[in-house]
Amino acid sequence: MRRRKGALVALEVEILGAALTLASRDDPEFHGFGIAKMLHGDGDARRLTGHGTLYKALARLEEAGLLVSRWEDANLAAADGRPRRRLYRITTAGRAAYAEASATPVGEPRWEPA
């Protein structure tokens, strides 16, 4: 079953909700593994069949303008002895899409691109 263009799936809504939670804690940027841990902590690990699912959802959200991303400074990552992370931030459009999706009954379109 194909979804309607611009419609958010449950995982995407959960990612936006988690991004808003982090932003409310004065932590506006997040990385994929961190968001996976946050979603897992909320009991939603069953929806993440693999990290590929999560990263595809992040890419779709960014393509739709609901998230923006940047690569972390390579020196910071090197100082911690790990690879660079791609850091994401929710946009104003992402906040609006989450608010709309949260108020939409199940089975209804969740978001339409402008």
PDB file of N, CA and C in Angstrom:
ATOM      1  N   MET A   1       0.834  -1.177   0.000  1.00  0.00           N
ATOM      2  CA  MET A   1       0.000   0.000   0.000  1.00  0.00           C
ATOM      3  C   MET A   1       0.880   1.242   0.000  1.00  0.00           C
ATOM      4  N   ARG A   2       0.667   2.116  -0.950  1.00  0.00           N
ATOM      5  CA  ARG A   2       1.438   3.355  -1.029  1.00  0.00           C
ATOM      6  C   ARG A   2       0.752   4.432  -0.211  1.00  0.00           C
ATOM      7  N   ARG A   3       1.532   5.242   0.409  1.00  0.00           N
ATOM      8  CA  ARG A   3       0.928   6.318   1.170  1.00  0.00           C
ATOM      9  C   ARG A   3       0.802   7.563   0.313  1.00  0.00           C
ATOM     10  N   ARG A   4      -0.084   8.408   0.694  1.00  0.00           N
ATOM     11  CA  ARG A   4      -0.306   9.658  -0.009  1.00  0.00           C
ATOM     12  C   ARG A   4       0.901  10.560   0.122  1.00  0.00           C
ATOM     13  N   LYS A   5       1.245  11.260  -0.953  1.00  0.00           N
ATOM     14  CA  LYS A   5       2.390  12.154  -0.919  1.00  0.00           C
ATOM     15  C   LYS A   5       2.217  13.172   0.203  1.00  0.00           C
ATOM     16  N   GLY A   6       3.243  13.300   1.009  1.00  0.00           N
ATOM     17  CA  GLY A   6       3.207  14.236   2.114  1.00  0.00           C
ATOM     18  C   GLY A   6       2.621  13.692   3.399  1.00  0.00           C
ATOM     19  N   ALA A   7       2.033  12.514   3.359  1.00  0.00           N
ATOM     20  CA  ALA A   7       1.456  11.938   4.572  1.00  0.00           C
ATOM     21  C   ALA A   7       2.576  11.410   5.460  1.00  0.00           C
ATOM     22  N   LEU A   8       2.459  11.648   6.740  1.00  0.00           N
ATOM     23  CA  LEU A   8       3.449  11.159   7.685  1.00  0.00           C
ATOM     24  C   LEU A   8       3.036   9.788   8.207  1.00  0.00           C
ATOM     25  N   VAL A   9       4.010   8.900   8.312  1.00  0.00           N
ATOM     26  CA  VAL A   9       3.758   7.600   8.931  1.00  0.00           C
ATOM     27  C   VAL A   9       4.036   7.733  10.429  1.00  0.00           C
ATOM     28  N   ALA A  10       3.592   6.760  11.190  1.00  0.00           N
ATOM     29  CA  ALA A  10       3.703   6.828  12.651  1.00  0.00           C
ATOM     30  C   ALA A  10       5.137   7.073  13.112  1.00  0.00           C
ATOM     31  N   LEU A  11       6.107   6.409  12.531  1.00  0.00           N
ATOM     32  CA  LEU A  11       7.499   6.585  12.933  1.00  0.00           C
ATOM     33  C   LEU A  11       7.941   8.028  12.741  1.00  0.00           C
ATOM     34  N   GLU A  12       7.541   8.659  11.632  1.00  0.00           N
ATOM     35  CA  GLU A  12       7.923  10.047  11.372  1.00  0.00           C
ATOM     36  C   GLU A  12       7.301  10.987  12.405  1.00  0.00           C
ATOM     37  N   VAL A  13       6.061  10.727  12.779  1.00  0.00           N
ATOM     38  CA  VAL A  13       5.401  11.536  13.808  1.00  0.00           C
ATOM     39  C   VAL A  13       6.141  11.369  15.136  1.00  0.00           C
ATOM     40  N   GLU A  14       6.545  10.140  15.450  1.00  0.00           N
ATOM     41  CA  GLU A  14       7.273   9.884  16.690  1.00  0.00           C
ATOM     42  C   GLU A  14       8.632  10.581  16.689  1.00  0.00           C
ATOM     43  N   ILE A  15       9.308  10.602  15.560  1.00  0.00           N
ATOM     44  CA  ILE A  15      10.596  11.293  15.458  1.00  0.00           C
ATOM     45  C   ILE A  15      10.398  12.779  15.708  1.00  0.00           C
ATOM     46  N   LEU A  16       9.386  13.371  15.074  1.00  0.00           N
ATOM     47  CA  LEU A  16       9.116  14.798  15.281  1.00  0.00           C
ATOM     48  C   LEU A  16       8.763  15.077  16.743  1.00  0.00           C
ATOM     49  N   GLY A  17       7.983  14.204  17.354  1.00  0.00           N
ATOM     50  CA  GLY A  17       7.634  14.375  18.767  1.00  0.00           C
ATOM     51  C   GLY A  17       8.862  14.302  19.658  1.00  0.00           C
ATOM     52  N   ALA A  18       9.747  13.360  19.373  1.00  0.00           N
ATOM     53  CA  ALA A  18      10.986  13.238  20.145  1.00  0.00           C
ATOM     54  C   ALA A  18      11.861  14.468  19.951  1.00  0.00           C
ATOM     55  N   ALA A  19      11.914  14.984  18.722  1.00  0.00           N
ATOM     56  CA  ALA A  19      12.697  16.199  18.447  1.00  0.00           C
ATOM     57  C   ALA A  19      12.156  17.380  19.244  1.00  0.00           C
ATOM     58  N   LEU A  20      10.844  17.485  19.341  1.00  0.00           N
ATOM     59  CA  LEU A  20      10.236  18.557  20.131  1.00  0.00           C
ATOM     60  C   LEU A  20      10.535  18.396  21.618  1.00  0.00           C
ATOM     61  N   THR A  21      10.523  17.163  22.094  1.00  0.00           N
ATOM     62  CA  THR A  21      10.850  16.901  23.496  1.00  0.00           C
ATOM     63  C   THR A  21      12.282  17.326  23.787  1.00  0.00           C
ATOM     64  N   LEU A  22      13.198  16.965  22.901  1.00  0.00           N
ATOM     65  CA  LEU A  22      14.598  17.357  23.090  1.00  0.00           C
ATOM     66  C   LEU A  22      14.753  18.867  23.044  1.00  0.00           C
ATOM     67  N   ALA A  23      14.069  19.514  22.101  1.00  0.00           N
ATOM     68  CA  ALA A  23      14.155  20.972  21.975  1.00  0.00           C
ATOM     69  C   ALA A  23      13.626  21.647  23.242  1.00  0.00           C
ATOM     70  N   SER A  24      12.594  21.075  23.859  1.00  0.00           N
ATOM     71  CA  SER A  24      12.043  21.651  25.088  1.00  0.00           C
ATOM     72  C   SER A  24      13.018  21.505  26.258  1.00  0.00           C
ATOM     73  N   ARG A  25      13.974  20.603  26.112  1.00  0.00           N
ATOM     74  CA  ARG A  25      15.012  20.401  27.139  1.00  0.00           C
ATOM     75  C   ARG A  25      16.272  21.185  26.802  1.00  0.00           C
ATOM     76  N   ASP A  26      16.152  22.167  25.929  1.00  0.00           N
ATOM     77  CA  ASP A  26      17.296  22.972  25.470  1.00  0.00           C
ATOM     78  C   ASP A  26      18.362  22.132  24.788  1.00  0.00           C
ATOM     79  N   ASP A  27      17.943  21.091  24.101  1.00  0.00           N
ATOM     80  CA  ASP A  27      18.841  20.235  23.318  1.00  0.00           C
ATOM     81  C   ASP A  27      18.242  20.120  21.914  1.00  0.00           C
ATOM     82  N   PRO A  28      18.319  21.213  21.116  1.00  0.00           N
ATOM     83  CA  PRO A  28      17.594  21.240  19.841  1.00  0.00           C
ATOM     84  C   PRO A  28      18.149  20.313  18.766  1.00  0.00           C
ATOM     85  N   GLU A  29      19.411  19.890  18.868  1.00  0.00           N
ATOM     86  CA  GLU A  29      19.985  19.004  17.857  1.00  0.00           C
ATOM     87  C   GLU A  29      20.073  17.579  18.395  1.00  0.00           C
ATOM     88  N   PHE A  30      19.848  16.641  17.501  1.00  0.00           N
ATOM     89  CA  PHE A  30      19.933  15.241  17.879  1.00  0.00           C
ATOM     90  C   PHE A  30      20.560  14.460  16.735  1.00  0.00           C
ATOM     91  N   HIS A  31      21.045  13.267  17.038  1.00  0.00           N
ATOM     92  CA  HIS A  31      21.611  12.393  16.005  1.00  0.00           C
ATOM     93  C   HIS A  31      20.781  11.112  15.977  1.00  0.00           C
ATOM     94  N   GLY A  32      20.934  10.366  14.912  1.00  0.00           N
ATOM     95  CA  GLY A  32      20.103   9.187  14.687  1.00  0.00           C
ATOM     96  C   GLY A  32      20.132   8.176  15.808  1.00  0.00           C
ATOM     97  N   PHE A  33      21.321   7.830  16.301  1.00  0.00           N
ATOM     98  CA  PHE A  33      21.404   6.824  17.360  1.00  0.00           C
ATOM     99  C   PHE A  33      20.739   7.336  18.631  1.00  0.00           C
ATOM    100  N   GLY A  34      20.911   8.609  18.919  1.00  0.00           N
ATOM    101  CA  GLY A  34      20.276   9.194  20.104  1.00  0.00           C
ATOM    102  C   GLY A  34      18.764   9.142  20.023  1.00  0.00           C
ATOM    103  N   ILE A  35      18.221   9.432  18.853  1.00  0.00           N
ATOM    104  CA  ILE A  35      16.766   9.396  18.690  1.00  0.00           C
ATOM    105  C   ILE A  35      16.270   7.954  18.748  1.00  0.00           C
ATOM    106  N   ALA A  36      17.055   7.019  18.220  1.00  0.00           N
ATOM    107  CA  ALA A  36      16.680   5.596  18.294  1.00  0.00           C
ATOM    108  C   ALA A  36      16.601   5.152  19.744  1.00  0.00           C
ATOM    109  N   LYS A  37      17.578   5.571  20.557  1.00  0.00           N
ATOM    110  CA  LYS A  37      17.563   5.224  21.975  1.00  0.00           C
ATOM    111  C   LYS A  37      16.365   5.850  22.671  1.00  0.00           C
ATOM    112  N   MET A  38      16.036   7.075  22.310  1.00  0.00           N
ATOM    113  CA  MET A  38      14.903   7.753  22.923  1.00  0.00           C
ATOM    114  C   MET A  38      13.595   7.031  22.569  1.00  0.00           C
ATOM    115  N   LEU A  39      13.428   6.671  21.308  1.00  0.00           N
ATOM    116  CA  LEU A  39      12.225   5.955  20.887  1.00  0.00           C
ATOM    117  C   LEU A  39      12.157   4.575  21.534  1.00  0.00           C
ATOM    118  N   HIS A  40      13.294   3.915  21.636  1.00  0.00           N
ATOM    119  CA  HIS A  40      13.337   2.598  22.277  1.00  0.00           C
ATOM    120  C   HIS A  40      12.934   2.709  23.742  1.00  0.00           C
ATOM    121  N   GLY A  41      13.399   3.772  24.383  1.00  0.00           N
ATOM    122  CA  GLY A  41      13.067   3.994  25.789  1.00  0.00           C
ATOM    123  C   GLY A  41      11.587   4.212  26.005  1.00  0.00           C
ATOM    124  N   ASP A  42      10.890   4.693  24.968  1.00  0.00           N
ATOM    125  CA  ASP A  42       9.447   4.896  25.058  1.00  0.00           C
ATOM    126  C   ASP A  42       8.674   3.642  24.671  1.00  0.00           C
ATOM    127  N   GLY A  43       9.377   2.538  24.418  1.00  0.00           N
ATOM    128  CA  GLY A  43       8.705   1.286  24.096  1.00  0.00           C
ATOM    129  C   GLY A  43       8.356   1.124  22.631  1.00  0.00           C
ATOM    130  N   ASP A  44       8.927   1.940  21.749  1.00  0.00           N
ATOM    131  CA  ASP A  44       8.587   1.886  20.332  1.00  0.00           C
ATOM    132  C   ASP A  44       9.641   1.147  19.505  1.00  0.00           C
ATOM    133  N   ALA A  45      10.471   0.349  20.125  1.00  0.00           N
ATOM    134  CA  ALA A  45      11.553  -0.335  19.414  1.00  0.00           C
ATOM    135  C   ALA A  45      11.020  -1.275  18.344  1.00  0.00           C
ATOM    136  N   ARG A  46       9.827  -1.794  18.515  1.00  0.00           N
ATOM    137  CA  ARG A  46       9.262  -2.715  17.522  1.00  0.00           C
ATOM    138  C   ARG A  46       9.110  -2.039  16.160  1.00  0.00           C
ATOM    139  N   ARG A  47       8.915  -0.736  16.154  1.00  0.00           N
ATOM    140  CA  ARG A  47       8.737  -0.017  14.893  1.00  0.00           C
ATOM    141  C   ARG A  47      10.058   0.164  14.156  1.00  0.00           C
ATOM    142  N   LEU A  48      11.152   0.058  14.872  1.00  0.00           N
ATOM    143  CA  LEU A  48      12.463   0.210  14.251  1.00  0.00           C
ATOM    144  C   LEU A  48      12.998  -1.169  13.920  1.00  0.00           C
ATOM    145  N   THR A  49      12.722  -1.626  12.716  1.00  0.00           N
ATOM    146  CA  THR A  49      13.198  -2.952  12.339  1.00  0.00           C
ATOM    147  C   THR A  49      14.701  -2.937  12.107  1.00  0.00           C
ATOM    148  N   GLY A  50      15.256  -1.796  11.903  1.00  0.00           N
ATOM    149  CA  GLY A  50      16.688  -1.625  11.718  1.00  0.00           C
ATOM    150  C   GLY A  50      16.987  -0.145  11.651  1.00  0.00           C
ATOM    151  N   HIS A  51      18.251   0.201  11.830  1.00  0.00           N
ATOM    152  CA  HIS A  51      18.597   1.613  11.776  1.00  0.00           C
ATOM    153  C   HIS A  51      18.353   2.185  10.386  1.00  0.00           C
ATOM    154  N   GLY A  52      18.365   1.339   9.358  1.00  0.00           N
ATOM    155  CA  GLY A  52      18.065   1.810   8.010  1.00  0.00           C
ATOM    156  C   GLY A  52      16.670   2.409   7.936  1.00  0.00           C
ATOM    157  N   THR A  53      15.720   1.829   8.660  1.00  0.00           N
ATOM    158  CA  THR A  53      14.355   2.351   8.703  1.00  0.00           C
ATOM    159  C   THR A  53      14.352   3.755   9.291  1.00  0.00           C
ATOM    160  N   LEU A  54      15.073   3.936  10.375  1.00  0.00           N
ATOM    161  CA  LEU A  54      15.142   5.234  11.034  1.00  0.00           C
ATOM    162  C   LEU A  54      15.784   6.274  10.124  1.00  0.00           C
ATOM    163  N   TYR A  55      16.915   5.927   9.521  1.00  0.00           N
ATOM    164  CA  TYR A  55      17.632   6.911   8.714  1.00  0.00           C
ATOM    165  C   TYR A  55      16.869   7.259   7.431  1.00  0.00           C
ATOM    166  N   LYS A  56      16.114   6.319   6.901  1.00  0.00           N
ATOM    167  CA  LYS A  56      15.259   6.634   5.747  1.00  0.00           C
ATOM    168  C   LYS A  56      14.164   7.603   6.161  1.00  0.00           C
ATOM    169  N   ALA A  57      13.597   7.398   7.344  1.00  0.00           N
ATOM    170  CA  ALA A  57      12.563   8.304   7.845  1.00  0.00           C
ATOM    171  C   ALA A  57      13.143   9.696   8.084  1.00  0.00           C
ATOM    172  N   LEU A  58      14.340   9.773   8.650  1.00  0.00           N
ATOM    173  CA  LEU A  58      14.987  11.071   8.855  1.00  0.00           C
ATOM    174  C   LEU A  58      15.216  11.773   7.517  1.00  0.00           C
ATOM    175  N   ALA A  59      15.645  11.032   6.514  1.00  0.00           N
ATOM    176  CA  ALA A  59      15.875  11.606   5.186  1.00  0.00           C
ATOM    177  C   ALA A  59      14.574  12.132   4.578  1.00  0.00           C
ATOM    178  N   ARG A  60      13.495  11.374   4.730  1.00  0.00           N
ATOM    179  CA  ARG A  60      12.193  11.830   4.204  1.00  0.00           C
ATOM    180  C   ARG A  60      11.743  13.106   4.909  1.00  0.00           C
ATOM    181  N   LEU A  61      11.926  13.165   6.210  1.00  0.00           N
ATOM    182  CA  LEU A  61      11.536  14.350   6.967  1.00  0.00           C
ATOM    183  C   LEU A  61      12.367  15.564   6.552  1.00  0.00           C
ATOM    184  N   GLU A  62      13.641  15.340   6.307  1.00  0.00           N
ATOM    185  CA  GLU A  62      14.485  16.445   5.858  1.00  0.00           C
ATOM    186  C   GLU A  62      14.098  16.888   4.447  1.00  0.00           C
ATOM    187  N   GLU A  63      13.845  15.940   3.580  1.00  0.00           N
ATOM    188  CA  GLU A  63      13.443  16.259   2.205  1.00  0.00           C
ATOM    189  C   GLU A  63      12.136  17.056   2.190  1.00  0.00           C
ATOM    190  N   ALA A  64      11.259  16.774   3.135  1.00  0.00           N
ATOM    191  CA  ALA A  64       9.976  17.473   3.227  1.00  0.00           C
ATOM    192  C   ALA A  64      10.109  18.839   3.917  1.00  0.00           C
ATOM    193  N   GLY A  65      11.301  19.151   4.421  1.00  0.00           N
ATOM    194  CA  GLY A  65      11.515  20.437   5.084  1.00  0.00           C
ATOM    195  C   GLY A  65      11.087  20.449   6.540  1.00  0.00           C
ATOM    196  N   LEU A  66      10.859  19.272   7.115  1.00  0.00           N
ATOM    197  CA  LEU A  66      10.418  19.197   8.508  1.00  0.00           C
ATOM    198  C   LEU A  66      11.590  19.097   9.477  1.00  0.00           C
ATOM    199  N   LEU A  67      12.738  18.697   8.961  1.00  0.00           N
ATOM    200  CA  LEU A  67      14.000  18.674   9.705  1.00  0.00           C
ATOM    201  C   LEU A  67      15.076  19.300   8.833  1.00  0.00           C
ATOM    202  N   VAL A  68      16.108  19.816   9.459  1.00  0.00           N
ATOM    203  CA  VAL A  68      17.327  20.228   8.759  1.00  0.00           C
ATOM    204  C   VAL A  68      18.472  19.493   9.438  1.00  0.00           C
ATOM    205  N   SER A  69      19.569  19.310   8.716  1.00  0.00           N
ATOM    206  CA  SER A  69      20.698  18.596   9.315  1.00  0.00           C
ATOM    207  C   SER A  69      22.008  19.248   8.918  1.00  0.00           C
ATOM    208  N   ARG A  70      23.025  18.885   9.671  1.00  0.00           N
ATOM    209  CA  ARG A  70      24.398  19.310   9.386  1.00  0.00           C
ATOM    210  C   ARG A  70      25.325  18.246   9.950  1.00  0.00           C
ATOM    211  N   TRP A  71      26.534  18.209   9.413  1.00  0.00           N
ATOM    212  CA  TRP A  71      27.528  17.293   9.946  1.00  0.00           C
ATOM    213  C   TRP A  71      28.221  17.946  11.129  1.00  0.00           C
ATOM    214  N   GLU A  72      28.433  17.189  12.159  1.00  0.00           N
ATOM    215  CA  GLU A  72      29.151  17.618  13.346  1.00  0.00           C
ATOM    216  C   GLU A  72      30.601  17.953  12.980  1.00  0.00           C
ATOM    217  N   ASP A  73      31.215  18.824  13.726  1.00  0.00           N
ATOM    218  CA  ASP A  73      32.616  19.185  13.528  1.00  0.00           C
ATOM    219  C   ASP A  73      33.483  17.931  13.681  1.00  0.00           C
ATOM    220  N   ALA A  74      34.310  17.680  12.675  1.00  0.00           N
ATOM    221  CA  ALA A  74      35.157  16.479  12.669  1.00  0.00           C
ATOM    222  C   ALA A  74      36.119  16.457  13.852  1.00  0.00           C
ATOM    223  N   ASN A  75      36.586  17.622  14.293  1.00  0.00           N
ATOM    224  CA  ASN A  75      37.515  17.675  15.422  1.00  0.00           C
ATOM    225  C   ASN A  75      36.857  17.236  16.728  1.00  0.00           C
ATOM    226  N   LEU A  76      35.599  17.580  16.901  1.00  0.00           N
ATOM    227  CA  LEU A  76      34.881  17.145  18.105  1.00  0.00           C
ATOM    228  C   LEU A  76      34.739  15.630  18.133  1.00  0.00           C
ATOM    229  N   ALA A  77      34.382  15.072  16.997  1.00  0.00           N
ATOM    230  CA  ALA A  77      34.228  13.616  16.915  1.00  0.00           C
ATOM    231  C   ALA A  77      35.564  12.924  17.151  1.00  0.00           C
ATOM    232  N   ALA A  78      36.626  13.442  16.535  1.00  0.00           N
ATOM    233  CA  ALA A  78      37.955  12.848  16.691  1.00  0.00           C
ATOM    234  C   ALA A  78      38.414  12.907  18.151  1.00  0.00           C
ATOM    235  N   ALA A  79      38.108  14.016  18.816  1.00  0.00           N
ATOM    236  CA  ALA A  79      38.487  14.146  20.224  1.00  0.00           C
ATOM    237  C   ALA A  79      37.778  13.112  21.092  1.00  0.00           C
ATOM    238  N   ASP A  80      36.565  12.725  20.685  1.00  0.00           N
ATOM    239  CA  ASP A  80      35.822  11.697  21.408  1.00  0.00           C
ATOM    240  C   ASP A  80      36.152  10.285  20.909  1.00  0.00           C
ATOM    241  N   GLY A  81      36.970  10.184  19.851  1.00  0.00           N
ATOM    242  CA  GLY A  81      37.363   8.885  19.315  1.00  0.00           C
ATOM    243  C   GLY A  81      36.238   8.142  18.622  1.00  0.00           C
ATOM    244  N   ARG A  82      35.407   8.881  17.885  1.00  0.00           N
ATOM    245  CA  ARG A  82      34.280   8.260  17.186  1.00  0.00           C
ATOM    246  C   ARG A  82      34.063   8.962  15.852  1.00  0.00           C
ATOM    247  N   PRO A  83      33.263   8.342  14.988  1.00  0.00           N
ATOM    248  CA  PRO A  83      32.954   8.987  13.698  1.00  0.00           C
ATOM    249  C   PRO A  83      32.079  10.231  13.910  1.00  0.00           C
ATOM    250  N   ARG A  84      32.077  11.105  12.920  1.00  0.00           N
ATOM    251  CA  ARG A  84      31.200  12.280  12.959  1.00  0.00           C
ATOM    252  C   ARG A  84      29.746  11.846  12.938  1.00  0.00           C
ATOM    253  N   ARG A  85      28.919  12.657  13.528  1.00  0.00           N
ATOM    254  CA  ARG A  85      27.479  12.409  13.541  1.00  0.00           C
ATOM    255  C   ARG A  85      26.778  13.441  12.658  1.00  0.00           C
ATOM    256  N   ARG A  86      25.685  13.027  12.068  1.00  0.00           N
ATOM    257  CA  ARG A  86      24.818  13.960  11.366  1.00  0.00           C
ATOM    258  C   ARG A  86      23.819  14.449  12.408  1.00  0.00           C
ATOM    259  N   LEU A  87      23.767  15.754  12.612  1.00  0.00           N
ATOM    260  CA  LEU A  87      22.903  16.343  13.625  1.00  0.00           C
ATOM    261  C   LEU A  87      21.662  16.928  12.972  1.00  0.00           C
ATOM    262  N   TYR A  88      20.519  16.643  13.538  1.00  0.00           N
ATOM    263  CA  TYR A  88      19.230  17.078  13.008  1.00  0.00           C
ATOM    264  C   TYR A  88      18.584  18.078  13.956  1.00  0.00           C
ATOM    265  N   ARG A  89      17.734  18.930  13.375  1.00  0.00           N
ATOM    266  CA  ARG A  89      16.978  19.914  14.144  1.00  0.00           C
ATOM    267  C   ARG A  89      15.604  20.036  13.504  1.00  0.00           C
ATOM    268  N   ILE A  90      14.558  20.127  14.320  1.00  0.00           N
ATOM    269  CA  ILE A  90      13.206  20.278  13.795  1.00  0.00           C
ATOM    270  C   ILE A  90      13.004  21.723  13.321  1.00  0.00           C
ATOM    271  N   THR A  91      12.270  21.886  12.239  1.00  0.00           N
ATOM    272  CA  THR A  91      11.984  23.208  11.690  1.00  0.00           C
ATOM    273  C   THR A  91      10.615  23.682  12.161  1.00  0.00           C
ATOM    274  N   THR A  92      10.305  24.930  11.846  1.00  0.00           N
ATOM    275  CA  THR A  92       8.976  25.463  12.153  1.00  0.00           C
ATOM    276  C   THR A  92       7.911  24.641  11.442  1.00  0.00           C
ATOM    277  N   ALA A  93       8.176  24.262  10.199  1.00  0.00           N
ATOM    278  CA  ALA A  93       7.226  23.421   9.458  1.00  0.00           C
ATOM    279  C   ALA A  93       7.082  22.059  10.125  1.00  0.00           C
ATOM    280  N   GLY A  94       8.166  21.530  10.682  1.00  0.00           N
ATOM    281  CA  GLY A  94       8.114  20.257  11.394  1.00  0.00           C
ATOM    282  C   GLY A  94       7.266  20.346  12.648  1.00  0.00           C
ATOM    283  N   ARG A  95       7.373  21.468  13.345  1.00  0.00           N
ATOM    284  CA  ARG A  95       6.545  21.674  14.541  1.00  0.00           C
ATOM    285  C   ARG A  95       5.064  21.699  14.163  1.00  0.00           C
ATOM    286  N   ALA A  96       4.758  22.420  13.079  1.00  0.00           N
ATOM    287  CA  ALA A  96       3.368  22.519  12.619  1.00  0.00           C
ATOM    288  C   ALA A  96       2.853  21.163  12.154  1.00  0.00           C
ATOM    289  N   ALA A  97       3.688  20.417  11.425  1.00  0.00           N
ATOM    290  CA  ALA A  97       3.281  19.097  10.933  1.00  0.00           C
ATOM    291  C   ALA A  97       3.020  18.152  12.097  1.00  0.00           C
ATOM    292  N   TYR A  98       3.855  18.235  13.138  1.00  0.00           N
ATOM    293  CA  TYR A  98       3.633  17.378  14.308  1.00  0.00           C
ATOM    294  C   TYR A  98       2.320  17.742  14.992  1.00  0.00           C
ATOM    295  N   ALA A  99       2.074  19.036  15.167  1.00  0.00           N
ATOM    296  CA  ALA A  99       0.832  19.468  15.814  1.00  0.00           C
ATOM    297  C   ALA A  99      -0.379  18.976  15.030  1.00  0.00           C
ATOM    298  N   GLU A 100      -0.305  19.086  13.714  1.00  0.00           N
ATOM    299  CA  GLU A 100      -1.413  18.630  12.876  1.00  0.00           C
ATOM    300  C   GLU A 100      -1.566  17.114  12.940  1.00  0.00           C
ATOM    301  N   ALA A 101      -0.450  16.413  12.859  1.00  0.00           N
ATOM    302  CA  ALA A 101      -0.494  14.946  12.870  1.00  0.00           C
ATOM    303  C   ALA A 101      -1.001  14.423  14.204  1.00  0.00           C
ATOM    304  N   SER A 102      -0.651  15.086  15.266  1.00  0.00           N
ATOM    305  CA  SER A 102      -1.080  14.648  16.590  1.00  0.00           C
ATOM    306  C   SER A 102      -2.579  14.834  16.789  1.00  0.00           C
ATOM    307  N   ALA A 103      -3.163  15.777  16.060  1.00  0.00           N
ATOM    308  CA  ALA A 103      -4.588  16.059  16.197  1.00  0.00           C
ATOM    309  C   ALA A 103      -5.440  15.318  15.170  1.00  0.00           C
ATOM    310  N   THR A 104      -4.793  14.594  14.242  1.00  0.00           N
ATOM    311  CA  THR A 104      -5.512  13.922  13.168  1.00  0.00           C
ATOM    312  C   THR A 104      -5.904  12.511  13.578  1.00  0.00           C
ATOM    313  N   PRO A 105      -7.148  12.113  13.357  1.00  0.00           N
ATOM    314  CA  PRO A 105      -7.548  10.737  13.677  1.00  0.00           C
ATOM    315  C   PRO A 105      -6.755   9.713  12.860  1.00  0.00           C
ATOM    316  N   VAL A 106      -6.599   8.533  13.415  1.00  0.00           N
ATOM    317  CA  VAL A 106      -5.870   7.458  12.734  1.00  0.00           C
ATOM    318  C   VAL A 106      -6.547   7.165  11.395  1.00  0.00           C
ATOM    319  N   GLY A 107      -5.748   6.979  10.365  1.00  0.00           N
ATOM    320  CA  GLY A 107      -6.255   6.655   9.038  1.00  0.00           C
ATOM    321  C   GLY A 107      -6.475   7.877   8.154  1.00  0.00           C
ATOM    322  N   GLU A 108      -6.447   9.063   8.742  1.00  0.00           N
ATOM    323  CA  GLU A 108      -6.610  10.297   7.965  1.00  0.00           C
ATOM    324  C   GLU A 108      -5.233  10.768   7.504  1.00  0.00           C
ATOM    325  N   PRO A 109      -5.168  11.544   6.405  1.00  0.00           N
ATOM    326  CA  PRO A 109      -3.887  12.120   5.999  1.00  0.00           C
ATOM    327  C   PRO A 109      -3.343  12.984   7.132  1.00  0.00           C
ATOM    328  N   ARG A 110      -2.043  12.881   7.359  1.00  0.00           N
ATOM    329  CA  ARG A 110      -1.459  13.581   8.496  1.00  0.00           C
ATOM    330  C   ARG A 110      -0.856  14.926   8.122  1.00  0.00           C
ATOM    331  N   TRP A 111      -0.392  15.101   6.903  1.00  0.00           N
ATOM    332  CA  TRP A 111       0.273  16.350   6.548  1.00  0.00           C
ATOM    333  C   TRP A 111       0.309  16.467   5.053  1.00  0.00           C
ATOM    334  N   GLU A 112       0.054  17.633   4.553  1.00  0.00           N
ATOM    335  CA  GLU A 112       0.133  17.895   3.114  1.00  0.00           C
ATOM    336  C   GLU A 112       1.196  18.961   2.884  1.00  0.00           C
ATOM    337  N   PRO A 113       2.122  18.729   1.956  1.00  0.00           N
ATOM    338  CA  PRO A 113       3.121  19.754   1.683  1.00  0.00           C
ATOM    339  C   PRO A 113       2.477  20.999   1.102  1.00  0.00           C
ATOM    340  N   ALA A 114       3.078  22.136   1.401  1.00  0.00           N
ATOM    341  CA  ALA A 114       2.540  23.414   0.910  1.00  0.00           C
ATOM    342  C   ALA A 114       2.741  23.565  -0.579  1.00  0.00           C
TER     343      ALA A 114
END
